[in-house]
Amino acid sequence: MRRILLLSLLLFLVMIYSCKRPQAKEDTFKVSENPEIVQFTPKKPTRITLRRNSNGSYSWELRGEDVEEIIAADKKLKAYTETTNH
């Protein structure tokens, strides 16, 4: 009977001690900003929808975010169609 009482008292003390022990710090992960790392969004490519008419000529529709790229693509397409039509 004494053994059971001592064992239960010992278990009770162990449980109390484990509850009072200071827990590990919650913010073990620190957030730090590194100025060397820069986030950027990738550029979307210029989309070209090419159509051929019944008489054999081509037309196209250009879509994109960068106006300069759209104009450059239009110039290239115009130059290509002018050289292949002659």
C-alpha atoms as a PDB file:
ATOM      1  CA  MET A   1       0.000   0.000   0.000  1.00  0.00           C
ATOM      2  CA  ARG A   2       2.860   2.337   0.850  1.00  0.00           C
ATOM      3  CA  ARG A   3       4.511   1.590  -2.490  1.00  0.00           C
ATOM      4  CA  ILE A   4       1.383   2.560  -4.383  1.00  0.00           C
ATOM      5  CA  LEU A   5       1.049   5.745  -2.367  1.00  0.00           C
ATOM      6  CA  LEU A   6       4.729   6.668  -2.905  1.00  0.00           C
ATOM      7  CA  LEU A   7       4.514   5.827  -6.588  1.00  0.00           C
ATOM      8  CA  SER A   8       1.385   7.938  -7.087  1.00  0.00           C
ATOM      9  CA  LEU A   9       2.960  10.815  -5.095  1.00  0.00           C
ATOM     10  CA  LEU A  10       6.090  10.573  -7.208  1.00  0.00           C
ATOM     11  CA  LEU A  11       4.061  10.619 -10.454  1.00  0.00           C
ATOM     12  CA  PHE A  12       2.084  13.593  -9.187  1.00  0.00           C
ATOM     13  CA  LEU A  13       5.263  15.536  -8.405  1.00  0.00           C
ATOM     14  CA  VAL A  14       6.731  14.719 -11.800  1.00  0.00           C
ATOM     15  CA  MET A  15       3.593  16.012 -13.521  1.00  0.00           C
ATOM     16  CA  ILE A  16       3.610  19.218 -11.480  1.00  0.00           C
ATOM     17  CA  TYR A  17       7.305  19.776 -12.188  1.00  0.00           C
ATOM     18  CA  SER A  18       6.822  19.277 -15.910  1.00  0.00           C
ATOM     19  CA  CYS A  19       3.959  21.769 -15.982  1.00  0.00           C
ATOM     20  CA  LYS A  20       5.936  24.477 -14.181  1.00  0.00           C
ATOM     21  CA  ARG A  21       9.021  24.099 -16.325  1.00  0.00           C
ATOM     22  CA  PRO A  22       9.480  27.072 -18.613  1.00  0.00           C
ATOM     23  CA  GLN A  23       8.512  26.210 -22.142  1.00  0.00           C
ATOM     24  CA  ALA A  24      10.714  26.946 -25.126  1.00  0.00           C
ATOM     25  CA  LYS A  25      10.308  30.405 -26.593  1.00  0.00           C
ATOM     26  CA  GLU A  26       7.484  30.607 -29.066  1.00  0.00           C
ATOM     27  CA  ASP A  27       9.254  32.812 -31.569  1.00  0.00           C
ATOM     28  CA  THR A  28      12.124  30.507 -32.414  1.00  0.00           C
ATOM     29  CA  PHE A  29      11.768  31.599 -36.029  1.00  0.00           C
ATOM     30  CA  LYS A  30      12.836  35.172 -36.535  1.00  0.00           C
ATOM     31  CA  VAL A  31      11.712  37.106 -39.551  1.00  0.00           C
ATOM     32  CA  SER A  32      14.420  39.292 -40.952  1.00  0.00           C
ATOM     33  CA  GLU A  33      14.425  41.295 -44.104  1.00  0.00           C
ATOM     34  CA  ASN A  34      17.435  41.060 -46.320  1.00  0.00           C
ATOM     35  CA  PRO A  35      17.838  44.111 -48.560  1.00  0.00           C
ATOM     36  CA  GLU A  36      19.904  42.062 -51.021  1.00  0.00           C
ATOM     37  CA  ILE A  37      16.913  39.916 -51.915  1.00  0.00           C
ATOM     38  CA  VAL A  38      14.515  41.740 -54.195  1.00  0.00           C
ATOM     39  CA  GLN A  39      11.153  40.385 -55.245  1.00  0.00           C
ATOM     40  CA  PHE A  40      10.112  40.936 -58.804  1.00  0.00           C
ATOM     41  CA  THR A  41       7.302  39.845 -61.016  1.00  0.00           C
ATOM     42  CA  PRO A  42       8.241  38.207 -64.291  1.00  0.00           C
ATOM     43  CA  LYS A  43       7.279  39.962 -67.490  1.00  0.00           C
ATOM     44  CA  LYS A  44       4.459  38.438 -69.455  1.00  0.00           C
ATOM     45  CA  PRO A  45       5.387  37.751 -73.064  1.00  0.00           C
ATOM     46  CA  THR A  46       3.777  39.541 -75.979  1.00  0.00           C
ATOM     47  CA  ARG A  47       0.985  37.353 -77.344  1.00  0.00           C
ATOM     48  CA  ILE A  48       0.499  37.207 -81.086  1.00  0.00           C
ATOM     49  CA  THR A  49      -2.670  35.959 -82.741  1.00  0.00           C
ATOM     50  CA  LEU A  50      -1.892  35.405 -86.403  1.00  0.00           C
ATOM     51  CA  ARG A  51      -4.632  35.075 -89.062  1.00  0.00           C
ATOM     52  CA  ARG A  52      -4.432  34.302 -92.742  1.00  0.00           C
ATOM     53  CA  ASN A  53      -7.084  35.730 -95.041  1.00  0.00           C
ATOM     54  CA  SER A  54      -8.627  33.908 -97.974  1.00  0.00           C
ATOM     55  CA  ASN A  55      -6.499  35.904-100.424  1.00  0.00           C
ATOM     56  CA  GLY A  56      -3.272  34.799 -98.666  1.00  0.00           C
ATOM     57  CA  SER A  57      -2.443  37.941 -96.727  1.00  0.00           C
ATOM     58  CA  TYR A  58      -1.793  37.884 -93.008  1.00  0.00           C
ATOM     59  CA  SER A  59      -3.192  39.943 -90.166  1.00  0.00           C
ATOM     60  CA  TRP A  60      -2.348  39.769 -86.471  1.00  0.00           C
ATOM     61  CA  GLU A  61      -3.411  40.893 -83.069  1.00  0.00           C
ATOM     62  CA  LEU A  62      -0.800  41.733 -80.423  1.00  0.00           C
ATOM     63  CA  ARG A  63      -1.373  41.720 -76.653  1.00  0.00           C
ATOM     64  CA  GLY A  64       1.036  42.387 -73.823  1.00  0.00           C
ATOM     65  CA  GLU A  65       2.030  44.646 -70.981  1.00  0.00           C
ATOM     66  CA  ASP A  66       5.075  46.396 -72.434  1.00  0.00           C
ATOM     67  CA  VAL A  67       4.166  48.817 -75.224  1.00  0.00           C
ATOM     68  CA  GLU A  68       7.716  48.953 -76.577  1.00  0.00           C
ATOM     69  CA  GLU A  69       7.810  45.172 -76.995  1.00  0.00           C
ATOM     70  CA  ILE A  70       4.450  45.231 -78.792  1.00  0.00           C
ATOM     71  CA  ILE A  71       5.651  47.928 -81.189  1.00  0.00           C
ATOM     72  CA  ALA A  72       8.904  46.032 -81.837  1.00  0.00           C
ATOM     73  CA  ALA A  73       6.991  42.803 -82.544  1.00  0.00           C
ATOM     74  CA  ASP A  74       4.650  44.666 -84.903  1.00  0.00           C
ATOM     75  CA  LYS A  75       7.598  46.125 -86.813  1.00  0.00           C
ATOM     76  CA  LYS A  76       9.204  42.688 -87.135  1.00  0.00           C
ATOM     77  CA  LEU A  77       5.959  41.130 -88.383  1.00  0.00           C
ATOM     78  CA  LYS A  78       5.436  43.946 -90.923  1.00  0.00           C
ATOM     79  CA  ALA A  79       9.003  43.606 -92.172  1.00  0.00           C
ATOM     80  CA  TYR A  80       8.661  39.841 -92.462  1.00  0.00           C
ATOM     81  CA  THR A  81       5.378  39.954 -94.349  1.00  0.00           C
ATOM     82  CA  GLU A  82       6.702  42.639 -96.747  1.00  0.00           C
ATOM     83  CA  THR A  83       9.772  40.565 -97.620  1.00  0.00           C
ATOM     84  CA  THR A  84       7.830  37.331 -98.125  1.00  0.00           C
ATOM     85  CA  ASN A  85       5.051  38.853-100.241  1.00  0.00           C
ATOM     86  CA  HIS A  86       7.354  40.178-102.958  1.00  0.00           C
END
